[in-house]
């Protein structure tokens, strides 16, 4: 059942986030493609970065759409102390997966929700992911499927990369692109 009472704008071009929202009954009346600078500020912590990106995305849509809830979201991978975003190309994707192979990394999801009354709620969700060792052949085969494109960390856990995941600790939806339980509690508590 769709929630028709809420006028929602998704400030993200992610098809995954759109389908996730629909899955829990929220169909945004508009999808806004935010064009923001995603540069990391030197010394910026992952939680601050992902929250800032989500807020900046939401604020670009808030300038245009009135009397609506605006949802901005962002996802990054952190390996060691390094923030890993979306790969620039095939070689970058390959190097990222080699780096993640056999190791643990964290997925940070930033969520920003702006109400029609301009109240802002921001949340950061962190999920730990352990990859099994991935062979060079497996990485090359995976990359040929193009599933890695436009995905933080060069993988989509909801697709073929699921076979790389040994264990997760935390919210699965956060890895896919949006913690639905957090979004739902935010929209219920925001006026």
N, C-alpha and C. Protein backbone atom coordinates (compact mmCIF):
# COMPACT_ATOMS: atom_id res chain seq x y z
N UNK A 1 0.84 -1.18 0.00
CA UNK A 1 0.00 0.00 0.00
C UNK A 1 0.89 1.24 0.00
N UNK A 2 0.68 2.12 -0.94
CA UNK A 2 1.49 3.33 -1.04
C UNK A 2 1.00 4.39 -0.07
N UNK A 3 1.95 5.12 0.50
CA UNK A 3 1.63 6.21 1.40
C UNK A 3 1.38 7.46 0.56
N UNK A 4 0.12 7.75 0.28
CA UNK A 4 -0.24 8.85 -0.62
C UNK A 4 -0.34 10.19 0.11
N UNK A 5 -0.29 10.18 1.44
CA UNK A 5 -0.39 11.41 2.21
C UNK A 5 0.91 12.20 2.19
N UNK A 6 2.02 11.52 1.99
CA UNK A 6 3.33 12.15 2.05
C UNK A 6 3.78 12.55 0.64
N UNK A 7 4.07 13.83 0.47
CA UNK A 7 4.64 14.32 -0.79
C UNK A 7 6.16 14.26 -0.60
N UNK A 8 6.79 13.35 -1.32
CA UNK A 8 8.22 13.07 -1.12
C UNK A 8 9.01 13.30 -2.40
N UNK A 9 10.15 13.98 -2.25
CA UNK A 9 11.10 14.16 -3.34
C UNK A 9 12.35 13.38 -2.97
N UNK A 10 12.81 12.54 -3.87
CA UNK A 10 14.06 11.80 -3.66
C UNK A 10 15.18 12.57 -4.34
N UNK A 11 16.08 13.12 -3.55
CA UNK A 11 17.22 13.88 -4.08
C UNK A 11 18.40 12.93 -4.27
N UNK A 12 18.22 12.02 -5.20
CA UNK A 12 19.23 11.02 -5.52
C UNK A 12 18.84 10.40 -6.86
N UNK A 13 19.82 10.16 -7.69
CA UNK A 13 19.53 9.54 -8.99
C UNK A 13 19.62 8.02 -8.93
N UNK A 14 19.71 7.47 -7.73
CA UNK A 14 19.85 6.03 -7.55
C UNK A 14 18.53 5.29 -7.78
N UNK A 15 18.53 4.43 -8.78
CA UNK A 15 17.35 3.59 -9.04
C UNK A 15 17.09 2.64 -7.87
N UNK A 16 18.16 2.20 -7.22
CA UNK A 16 18.02 1.30 -6.08
C UNK A 16 17.23 1.96 -4.96
N UNK A 17 17.59 3.20 -4.64
CA UNK A 17 16.89 3.89 -3.56
C UNK A 17 15.41 4.09 -3.90
N UNK A 18 15.14 4.42 -5.14
CA UNK A 18 13.76 4.60 -5.59
C UNK A 18 12.96 3.31 -5.41
N UNK A 19 13.51 2.19 -5.85
CA UNK A 19 12.78 0.92 -5.73
C UNK A 19 12.66 0.49 -4.27
N UNK A 20 13.65 0.82 -3.44
CA UNK A 20 13.58 0.48 -2.02
C UNK A 20 12.45 1.25 -1.34
N UNK A 21 12.33 2.53 -1.66
CA UNK A 21 11.25 3.33 -1.07
C UNK A 21 9.89 2.80 -1.48
N UNK A 22 9.75 2.45 -2.75
CA UNK A 22 8.48 1.90 -3.24
C UNK A 22 8.14 0.60 -2.51
N UNK A 23 9.16 -0.17 -2.18
CA UNK A 23 8.96 -1.45 -1.50
C UNK A 23 8.27 -1.27 -0.15
N UNK A 24 8.49 -0.12 0.51
CA UNK A 24 7.85 0.11 1.81
C UNK A 24 6.70 1.13 1.72
N UNK A 25 6.22 1.37 0.50
CA UNK A 25 5.01 2.17 0.33
C UNK A 25 5.21 3.66 0.12
N UNK A 26 6.43 4.09 -0.19
CA UNK A 26 6.68 5.51 -0.46
C UNK A 26 7.11 5.67 -1.91
N UNK A 27 6.24 6.32 -2.68
CA UNK A 27 6.56 6.56 -4.08
C UNK A 27 6.80 8.06 -4.25
N UNK A 28 8.08 8.45 -4.39
CA UNK A 28 8.35 9.88 -4.56
C UNK A 28 7.63 10.42 -5.80
N UNK A 29 7.04 11.62 -5.66
CA UNK A 29 6.38 12.22 -6.81
C UNK A 29 7.42 12.77 -7.78
N UNK A 30 8.67 12.90 -7.30
CA UNK A 30 9.73 13.43 -8.14
C UNK A 30 11.08 12.88 -7.71
N UNK A 31 11.92 12.61 -8.69
CA UNK A 31 13.31 12.23 -8.42
C UNK A 31 14.18 13.37 -8.94
N UNK A 32 14.92 13.97 -8.03
CA UNK A 32 15.78 15.12 -8.34
C UNK A 32 17.23 14.63 -8.42
N UNK A 33 17.88 14.94 -9.52
CA UNK A 33 19.28 14.53 -9.69
C UNK A 33 20.17 15.66 -9.17
N UNK A 34 20.70 15.49 -7.94
CA UNK A 34 21.52 16.57 -7.39
C UNK A 34 22.89 16.61 -8.06
N UNK A 35 23.29 17.79 -8.40
CA UNK A 35 24.61 17.98 -9.01
C UNK A 35 25.46 18.71 -7.98
N UNK A 36 26.16 17.94 -7.14
CA UNK A 36 26.93 18.54 -6.06
C UNK A 36 28.40 18.18 -6.18
N UNK A 37 29.22 18.95 -5.52
CA UNK A 37 30.65 18.66 -5.41
C UNK A 37 30.82 17.57 -4.34
N UNK A 38 31.37 16.43 -4.73
CA UNK A 38 31.52 15.33 -3.79
C UNK A 38 32.95 15.18 -3.27
N UNK A 39 33.71 16.26 -3.36
CA UNK A 39 35.09 16.24 -2.91
C UNK A 39 35.16 16.08 -1.39
N UNK A 40 36.11 15.27 -0.94
CA UNK A 40 36.32 15.04 0.49
C UNK A 40 37.19 16.17 1.04
N UNK A 41 36.77 16.74 2.15
CA UNK A 41 37.56 17.77 2.81
C UNK A 41 38.68 17.07 3.58
N UNK A 42 39.89 17.57 3.45
CA UNK A 42 41.05 16.95 4.10
C UNK A 42 40.79 16.77 5.60
N UNK A 43 41.00 15.54 6.06
CA UNK A 43 40.80 15.22 7.47
C UNK A 43 39.36 14.93 7.87
N UNK A 44 38.45 14.98 6.90
CA UNK A 44 37.03 14.76 7.20
C UNK A 44 36.76 13.30 7.54
N UNK A 45 36.06 13.07 8.62
CA UNK A 45 35.70 11.72 9.05
C UNK A 45 34.61 11.18 8.14
N UNK A 46 34.59 9.85 7.92
CA UNK A 46 33.57 9.25 7.04
C UNK A 46 32.13 9.60 7.43
N UNK A 47 31.83 9.58 8.74
CA UNK A 47 30.46 9.87 9.17
C UNK A 47 30.08 11.32 8.85
N UNK A 48 31.00 12.24 9.00
CA UNK A 48 30.74 13.64 8.67
C UNK A 48 30.59 13.82 7.16
N UNK A 49 31.46 13.15 6.40
CA UNK A 49 31.40 13.27 4.95
C UNK A 49 30.06 12.79 4.40
N UNK A 50 29.65 11.59 4.78
CA UNK A 50 28.42 11.01 4.21
C UNK A 50 27.19 11.80 4.65
N UNK A 51 27.21 12.33 5.88
CA UNK A 51 26.09 13.17 6.34
C UNK A 51 26.06 14.47 5.55
N UNK A 52 27.23 15.06 5.30
CA UNK A 52 27.31 16.30 4.53
C UNK A 52 26.81 16.10 3.10
N UNK A 53 27.18 14.95 2.48
CA UNK A 53 26.74 14.68 1.12
C UNK A 53 25.22 14.53 1.07
N UNK A 54 24.66 13.78 2.02
CA UNK A 54 23.20 13.59 2.05
C UNK A 54 22.49 14.92 2.23
N UNK A 55 23.02 15.77 3.14
CA UNK A 55 22.41 17.07 3.39
C UNK A 55 22.52 17.98 2.16
N UNK A 56 23.69 17.99 1.53
CA UNK A 56 23.86 18.82 0.33
C UNK A 56 22.93 18.40 -0.79
N UNK A 57 22.75 17.09 -0.96
CA UNK A 57 21.81 16.59 -1.98
C UNK A 57 20.39 17.06 -1.68
N UNK A 58 19.99 16.90 -0.41
CA UNK A 58 18.64 17.30 -0.02
C UNK A 58 18.42 18.80 -0.21
N UNK A 59 19.42 19.59 0.13
CA UNK A 59 19.27 21.05 0.03
C UNK A 59 19.17 21.53 -1.42
N UNK A 60 19.78 20.80 -2.36
CA UNK A 60 19.63 21.21 -3.77
C UNK A 60 18.18 21.06 -4.21
N UNK A 61 17.51 20.02 -3.73
CA UNK A 61 16.10 19.81 -4.09
C UNK A 61 15.18 20.73 -3.30
N UNK A 62 15.56 21.02 -2.06
CA UNK A 62 14.72 21.86 -1.20
C UNK A 62 14.57 23.27 -1.77
N UNK A 63 15.55 23.72 -2.54
CA UNK A 63 15.48 25.05 -3.16
C UNK A 63 14.41 25.10 -4.27
N UNK A 64 14.09 23.94 -4.81
CA UNK A 64 13.18 23.87 -5.97
C UNK A 64 11.76 23.44 -5.58
N UNK A 65 11.66 22.42 -4.74
CA UNK A 65 10.36 21.81 -4.43
C UNK A 65 9.85 22.30 -3.08
N UNK A 66 8.68 22.87 -3.10
CA UNK A 66 8.07 23.42 -1.88
C UNK A 66 7.00 22.47 -1.37
N UNK A 67 6.73 22.58 -0.08
CA UNK A 67 5.68 21.79 0.59
C UNK A 67 5.85 20.29 0.38
N UNK A 68 7.10 19.85 0.47
CA UNK A 68 7.38 18.41 0.29
C UNK A 68 8.45 17.98 1.28
N UNK A 69 8.46 16.70 1.55
CA UNK A 69 9.58 16.10 2.28
C UNK A 69 10.67 15.84 1.26
N UNK A 70 11.88 16.21 1.60
CA UNK A 70 13.02 16.02 0.70
C UNK A 70 13.96 15.01 1.34
N UNK A 71 14.27 13.96 0.59
CA UNK A 71 15.18 12.91 1.08
C UNK A 71 16.46 12.93 0.28
N UNK A 72 17.57 13.17 0.97
CA UNK A 72 18.89 13.06 0.37
C UNK A 72 19.61 11.89 1.02
N UNK A 73 20.34 11.12 0.24
CA UNK A 73 21.06 9.97 0.79
C UNK A 73 22.38 9.79 0.06
N UNK A 74 23.34 9.23 0.77
CA UNK A 74 24.64 8.95 0.18
C UNK A 74 25.21 7.70 0.83
N UNK A 75 26.04 6.98 0.09
CA UNK A 75 26.67 5.76 0.59
C UNK A 75 28.14 5.76 0.20
N UNK A 76 28.98 5.41 1.17
CA UNK A 76 30.41 5.25 0.91
C UNK A 76 30.90 3.98 1.58
N UNK A 77 32.04 3.53 1.12
CA UNK A 77 32.73 2.39 1.72
C UNK A 77 33.98 2.94 2.40
N UNK A 78 34.32 2.39 3.55
CA UNK A 78 35.56 2.78 4.24
C UNK A 78 36.37 1.52 4.49
N UNK A 79 37.59 1.54 3.97
CA UNK A 79 38.53 0.43 4.17
C UNK A 79 39.74 1.01 4.88
N UNK A 80 40.00 0.53 6.09
CA UNK A 80 41.04 1.15 6.90
C UNK A 80 40.59 2.55 7.25
N UNK A 81 41.36 3.54 6.84
CA UNK A 81 40.99 4.94 7.06
C UNK A 81 40.61 5.63 5.76
N UNK A 82 40.49 4.87 4.69
CA UNK A 82 40.25 5.44 3.36
C UNK A 82 38.80 5.37 2.94
N UNK A 83 38.26 6.52 2.55
CA UNK A 83 36.91 6.59 2.01
C UNK A 83 36.95 6.17 0.55
N UNK A 84 36.08 5.22 0.21
CA UNK A 84 36.00 4.73 -1.16
C UNK A 84 34.59 5.03 -1.68
N UNK A 85 34.54 5.81 -2.72
CA UNK A 85 33.24 6.13 -3.32
C UNK A 85 32.97 5.22 -4.50
N UNK A 86 32.38 5.80 -5.53
CA UNK A 86 32.10 5.05 -6.76
C UNK A 86 33.37 4.99 -7.60
N UNK A 87 33.58 3.87 -8.28
CA UNK A 87 34.78 3.77 -9.12
C UNK A 87 34.70 4.70 -10.33
N UNK A 88 35.86 5.20 -10.72
CA UNK A 88 35.93 6.10 -11.88
C UNK A 88 35.87 5.33 -13.20
N UNK A 89 36.40 4.10 -13.18
CA UNK A 89 36.48 3.29 -14.41
C UNK A 89 36.73 1.83 -14.02
N UNK A 90 36.89 0.99 -15.03
CA UNK A 90 37.10 -0.45 -14.83
C UNK A 90 38.33 -0.72 -13.96
N UNK A 91 39.43 -0.07 -14.28
CA UNK A 91 40.68 -0.29 -13.53
C UNK A 91 40.52 0.10 -12.06
N UNK A 92 39.86 1.20 -11.82
CA UNK A 92 39.60 1.65 -10.45
C UNK A 92 38.72 0.63 -9.72
N UNK A 93 37.69 0.14 -10.39
CA UNK A 93 36.80 -0.86 -9.79
C UNK A 93 37.59 -2.13 -9.45
N UNK A 94 38.44 -2.55 -10.36
CA UNK A 94 39.27 -3.74 -10.14
C UNK A 94 40.14 -3.54 -8.89
N UNK A 95 40.82 -2.41 -8.80
CA UNK A 95 41.71 -2.14 -7.66
C UNK A 95 40.95 -2.08 -6.34
N UNK A 96 39.75 -1.53 -6.37
CA UNK A 96 38.93 -1.46 -5.16
C UNK A 96 38.57 -2.87 -4.69
N UNK A 97 38.13 -3.73 -5.60
CA UNK A 97 37.75 -5.09 -5.21
C UNK A 97 38.95 -5.89 -4.73
N UNK A 98 40.11 -5.68 -5.32
CA UNK A 98 41.33 -6.34 -4.84
C UNK A 98 41.61 -5.90 -3.40
N UNK A 99 41.42 -4.62 -3.14
CA UNK A 99 41.66 -4.08 -1.80
C UNK A 99 40.68 -4.65 -0.77
N UNK A 100 39.43 -4.85 -1.18
CA UNK A 100 38.40 -5.35 -0.25
C UNK A 100 38.46 -6.87 -0.06
N UNK A 101 39.07 -7.58 -0.99
CA UNK A 101 39.13 -9.05 -0.96
C UNK A 101 39.74 -9.57 0.34
N UNK A 102 39.01 -10.47 1.00
CA UNK A 102 39.49 -11.12 2.21
C UNK A 102 39.54 -10.23 3.43
N UNK A 103 38.94 -9.06 3.34
CA UNK A 103 39.03 -8.09 4.45
C UNK A 103 37.66 -7.60 4.88
N UNK A 104 37.71 -6.86 5.97
CA UNK A 104 36.51 -6.23 6.51
C UNK A 104 36.50 -4.76 6.10
N UNK A 105 35.33 -4.25 5.77
CA UNK A 105 35.17 -2.82 5.51
C UNK A 105 33.84 -2.36 6.10
N UNK A 106 33.66 -1.07 6.12
CA UNK A 106 32.44 -0.50 6.68
C UNK A 106 31.70 0.27 5.59
N UNK A 107 30.39 0.17 5.62
CA UNK A 107 29.52 0.91 4.71
C UNK A 107 28.84 2.00 5.53
N UNK A 108 29.06 3.24 5.13
CA UNK A 108 28.44 4.38 5.79
C UNK A 108 27.31 4.89 4.90
N UNK A 109 26.14 5.02 5.49
CA UNK A 109 25.00 5.57 4.78
C UNK A 109 24.55 6.86 5.46
N UNK A 110 24.50 7.93 4.71
CA UNK A 110 24.01 9.20 5.23
C UNK A 110 22.60 9.43 4.75
N UNK A 111 21.74 9.86 5.66
CA UNK A 111 20.35 10.15 5.32
C UNK A 111 20.02 11.55 5.83
N UNK A 112 19.46 12.38 4.97
CA UNK A 112 18.99 13.71 5.37
C UNK A 112 17.55 13.84 4.91
N UNK A 113 16.70 14.23 5.82
CA UNK A 113 15.29 14.44 5.52
C UNK A 113 14.90 15.86 5.94
N UNK A 114 14.36 16.61 5.01
CA UNK A 114 13.89 17.97 5.27
C UNK A 114 12.37 17.97 5.15
N UNK A 115 11.71 18.47 6.19
CA UNK A 115 10.25 18.48 6.19
C UNK A 115 9.73 19.70 5.44
N UNK A 116 8.43 19.71 5.11
CA UNK A 116 7.84 20.89 4.46
C UNK A 116 7.99 22.16 5.32
N UNK A 117 8.11 21.99 6.65
CA UNK A 117 8.30 23.14 7.56
C UNK A 117 9.77 23.49 7.71
N UNK A 118 10.63 22.83 6.91
CA UNK A 118 12.08 23.08 6.89
C UNK A 118 12.83 22.55 8.11
N UNK A 119 12.22 21.63 8.85
CA UNK A 119 12.94 20.93 9.91
C UNK A 119 13.85 19.90 9.25
N UNK A 120 15.05 19.75 9.77
CA UNK A 120 16.04 18.85 9.16
C UNK A 120 16.42 17.75 10.15
N UNK A 121 16.42 16.53 9.66
CA UNK A 121 16.88 15.38 10.43
C UNK A 121 17.98 14.69 9.62
N UNK A 122 19.12 14.45 10.28
CA UNK A 122 20.25 13.80 9.62
C UNK A 122 20.69 12.61 10.45
N UNK A 123 20.96 11.52 9.77
CA UNK A 123 21.38 10.30 10.45
C UNK A 123 22.46 9.61 9.64
N UNK A 124 23.41 9.00 10.35
CA UNK A 124 24.44 8.18 9.71
C UNK A 124 24.30 6.75 10.22
N UNK A 125 24.30 5.80 9.29
CA UNK A 125 24.17 4.39 9.62
C UNK A 125 25.45 3.69 9.16
N UNK A 126 25.99 2.82 10.01
CA UNK A 126 27.22 2.12 9.67
C UNK A 126 26.98 0.61 9.74
N UNK A 127 27.38 -0.09 8.69
CA UNK A 127 27.27 -1.54 8.62
C UNK A 127 28.65 -2.11 8.29
N UNK A 128 29.03 -3.14 9.00
CA UNK A 128 30.32 -3.79 8.76
C UNK A 128 30.12 -4.97 7.81
N UNK A 129 31.00 -5.09 6.83
CA UNK A 129 30.93 -6.17 5.84
C UNK A 129 32.27 -6.89 5.77
N UNK A 130 32.23 -8.22 5.82
CA UNK A 130 33.44 -9.03 5.66
C UNK A 130 33.35 -9.75 4.32
N UNK A 131 34.34 -9.53 3.47
CA UNK A 131 34.45 -10.24 2.20
C UNK A 131 35.32 -11.47 2.37
N UNK A 132 34.98 -12.54 1.70
CA UNK A 132 35.87 -13.68 1.62
C UNK A 132 36.97 -13.32 0.61
N UNK A 133 37.97 -14.16 0.52
CA UNK A 133 39.01 -13.91 -0.49
C UNK A 133 38.37 -14.09 -1.88
N UNK A 134 38.62 -13.12 -2.77
CA UNK A 134 38.08 -13.16 -4.13
C UNK A 134 39.26 -13.30 -5.08
N UNK A 135 39.20 -14.31 -5.93
CA UNK A 135 40.30 -14.53 -6.88
C UNK A 135 40.29 -13.47 -7.98
N UNK A 136 41.41 -13.33 -8.64
CA UNK A 136 41.53 -12.40 -9.76
C UNK A 136 40.51 -12.74 -10.85
N UNK A 137 40.36 -14.03 -11.13
CA UNK A 137 39.38 -14.45 -12.15
C UNK A 137 37.95 -14.08 -11.75
N UNK A 138 37.63 -14.23 -10.47
CA UNK A 138 36.28 -13.88 -10.01
C UNK A 138 36.04 -12.37 -10.14
N UNK A 139 37.04 -11.59 -9.81
CA UNK A 139 36.91 -10.13 -9.93
C UNK A 139 36.70 -9.74 -11.39
N UNK A 140 37.52 -10.30 -12.27
CA UNK A 140 37.40 -9.98 -13.70
C UNK A 140 36.04 -10.40 -14.26
N UNK A 141 35.58 -11.59 -13.87
CA UNK A 141 34.26 -12.05 -14.32
C UNK A 141 33.15 -11.14 -13.81
N UNK A 142 33.26 -10.75 -12.56
CA UNK A 142 32.25 -9.87 -11.97
C UNK A 142 32.22 -8.52 -12.69
N UNK A 143 33.39 -7.96 -12.95
CA UNK A 143 33.45 -6.65 -13.58
C UNK A 143 32.90 -6.65 -15.01
N UNK A 144 32.99 -7.78 -15.69
CA UNK A 144 32.46 -7.88 -17.05
C UNK A 144 30.94 -7.73 -17.08
N UNK A 145 30.29 -7.99 -15.95
CA UNK A 145 28.83 -7.86 -15.87
C UNK A 145 28.36 -6.42 -15.74
N UNK A 146 29.29 -5.51 -15.51
CA UNK A 146 29.00 -4.07 -15.36
C UNK A 146 28.13 -3.73 -14.16
N UNK A 147 27.93 -4.66 -13.25
CA UNK A 147 27.14 -4.40 -12.06
C UNK A 147 27.84 -3.39 -11.13
N UNK A 148 29.13 -3.26 -11.25
CA UNK A 148 29.94 -2.40 -10.40
C UNK A 148 29.74 -0.91 -10.68
N UNK A 149 29.24 -0.59 -11.87
CA UNK A 149 29.12 0.81 -12.25
C UNK A 149 28.13 1.57 -11.36
N UNK A 150 28.54 2.75 -10.98
CA UNK A 150 27.72 3.64 -10.16
C UNK A 150 27.42 3.07 -8.77
N UNK A 151 28.34 2.24 -8.25
CA UNK A 151 28.15 1.66 -6.92
C UNK A 151 29.35 1.95 -6.03
N UNK A 152 29.09 2.46 -4.85
CA UNK A 152 30.16 2.69 -3.88
C UNK A 152 30.86 1.36 -3.60
N UNK A 153 32.18 1.39 -3.64
CA UNK A 153 32.93 0.17 -3.37
C UNK A 153 32.97 -0.80 -4.53
N UNK A 154 32.39 -0.45 -5.66
CA UNK A 154 32.41 -1.27 -6.88
C UNK A 154 31.59 -2.54 -6.80
N UNK A 155 30.63 -2.60 -5.87
CA UNK A 155 29.82 -3.82 -5.81
C UNK A 155 28.40 -3.51 -5.34
N UNK A 156 27.50 -4.40 -5.74
CA UNK A 156 26.12 -4.35 -5.27
C UNK A 156 25.83 -5.64 -4.53
N UNK A 157 25.62 -5.55 -3.23
CA UNK A 157 25.41 -6.74 -2.40
C UNK A 157 24.13 -7.48 -2.81
N UNK A 158 23.18 -6.77 -3.42
CA UNK A 158 21.91 -7.36 -3.81
C UNK A 158 22.01 -8.14 -5.12
N UNK A 159 23.18 -8.15 -5.74
CA UNK A 159 23.37 -8.84 -7.02
C UNK A 159 24.40 -9.95 -6.92
N UNK A 160 25.19 -10.08 -7.99
CA UNK A 160 26.17 -11.14 -8.08
C UNK A 160 27.25 -11.06 -7.01
N UNK A 161 27.51 -9.88 -6.49
CA UNK A 161 28.54 -9.71 -5.47
C UNK A 161 28.14 -10.32 -4.13
N UNK A 162 26.90 -10.73 -3.98
CA UNK A 162 26.47 -11.36 -2.73
C UNK A 162 27.35 -12.57 -2.41
N UNK A 163 27.87 -13.22 -3.42
CA UNK A 163 28.71 -14.41 -3.19
C UNK A 163 30.08 -14.06 -2.63
N UNK A 164 30.43 -12.77 -2.59
CA UNK A 164 31.70 -12.33 -2.00
C UNK A 164 31.57 -12.07 -0.50
N UNK A 165 30.35 -11.93 -0.03
CA UNK A 165 30.11 -11.50 1.34
C UNK A 165 30.07 -12.69 2.29
N UNK A 166 31.02 -12.67 3.20
CA UNK A 166 31.13 -13.74 4.20
C UNK A 166 30.20 -13.47 5.38
N UNK A 167 30.14 -12.18 5.78
CA UNK A 167 29.34 -11.83 6.96
C UNK A 167 29.05 -10.34 6.94
N UNK A 168 27.89 -9.97 7.49
CA UNK A 168 27.62 -8.55 7.72
C UNK A 168 27.21 -8.37 9.18
N UNK A 169 27.49 -7.19 9.69
CA UNK A 169 27.08 -6.84 11.05
C UNK A 169 26.40 -5.48 10.96
N UNK A 170 25.08 -5.49 11.03
CA UNK A 170 24.33 -4.24 10.93
C UNK A 170 23.23 -4.33 9.90
N UNK A 171 22.84 -3.19 9.41
CA UNK A 171 21.67 -3.06 8.55
C UNK A 171 22.00 -3.39 7.08
N UNK A 172 21.35 -4.42 6.56
CA UNK A 172 21.56 -4.85 5.16
C UNK A 172 21.15 -3.77 4.17
N UNK A 173 19.97 -3.14 4.39
CA UNK A 173 19.48 -2.12 3.46
C UNK A 173 20.46 -0.95 3.33
N UNK A 174 21.19 -0.67 4.39
CA UNK A 174 22.19 0.39 4.34
C UNK A 174 23.25 0.08 3.28
N UNK A 175 23.61 -1.17 3.13
CA UNK A 175 24.61 -1.58 2.13
C UNK A 175 24.03 -1.40 0.73
N UNK A 176 22.77 -1.70 0.57
CA UNK A 176 22.11 -1.56 -0.73
C UNK A 176 22.00 -0.09 -1.13
N UNK A 177 21.80 0.80 -0.15
CA UNK A 177 21.75 2.22 -0.49
C UNK A 177 20.92 3.11 0.41
N UNK A 178 20.07 2.52 1.26
CA UNK A 178 19.25 3.34 2.16
C UNK A 178 18.70 2.46 3.29
N UNK A 179 19.02 2.82 4.52
CA UNK A 179 18.45 2.11 5.66
C UNK A 179 16.98 2.47 5.76
N UNK A 180 16.14 1.54 5.37
CA UNK A 180 14.70 1.82 5.34
C UNK A 180 14.12 2.03 6.73
N UNK A 181 14.59 1.27 7.70
CA UNK A 181 14.07 1.42 9.06
C UNK A 181 14.41 2.80 9.61
N UNK A 182 15.58 3.31 9.27
CA UNK A 182 15.97 4.65 9.72
C UNK A 182 15.17 5.72 8.99
N UNK A 183 15.01 5.58 7.68
CA UNK A 183 14.20 6.54 6.91
C UNK A 183 12.80 6.59 7.49
N UNK A 184 12.20 5.41 7.75
CA UNK A 184 10.83 5.35 8.22
C UNK A 184 10.69 6.04 9.59
N UNK A 185 11.64 5.78 10.49
CA UNK A 185 11.54 6.43 11.80
C UNK A 185 11.76 7.94 11.69
N UNK A 186 12.60 8.36 10.75
CA UNK A 186 12.84 9.79 10.56
C UNK A 186 11.60 10.50 10.02
N UNK A 187 10.96 9.91 9.01
CA UNK A 187 9.79 10.58 8.41
C UNK A 187 8.60 10.57 9.36
N UNK A 188 8.52 9.56 10.21
CA UNK A 188 7.42 9.51 11.19
C UNK A 188 7.63 10.54 12.30
N UNK A 189 8.90 10.87 12.59
CA UNK A 189 9.18 11.79 13.70
C UNK A 189 9.43 13.23 13.29
N UNK A 190 9.37 13.53 12.01
CA UNK A 190 9.71 14.87 11.53
C UNK A 190 8.47 15.63 11.08
N UNK A 191 8.32 16.84 11.57
CA UNK A 191 7.18 17.70 11.16
C UNK A 191 7.65 18.76 10.19
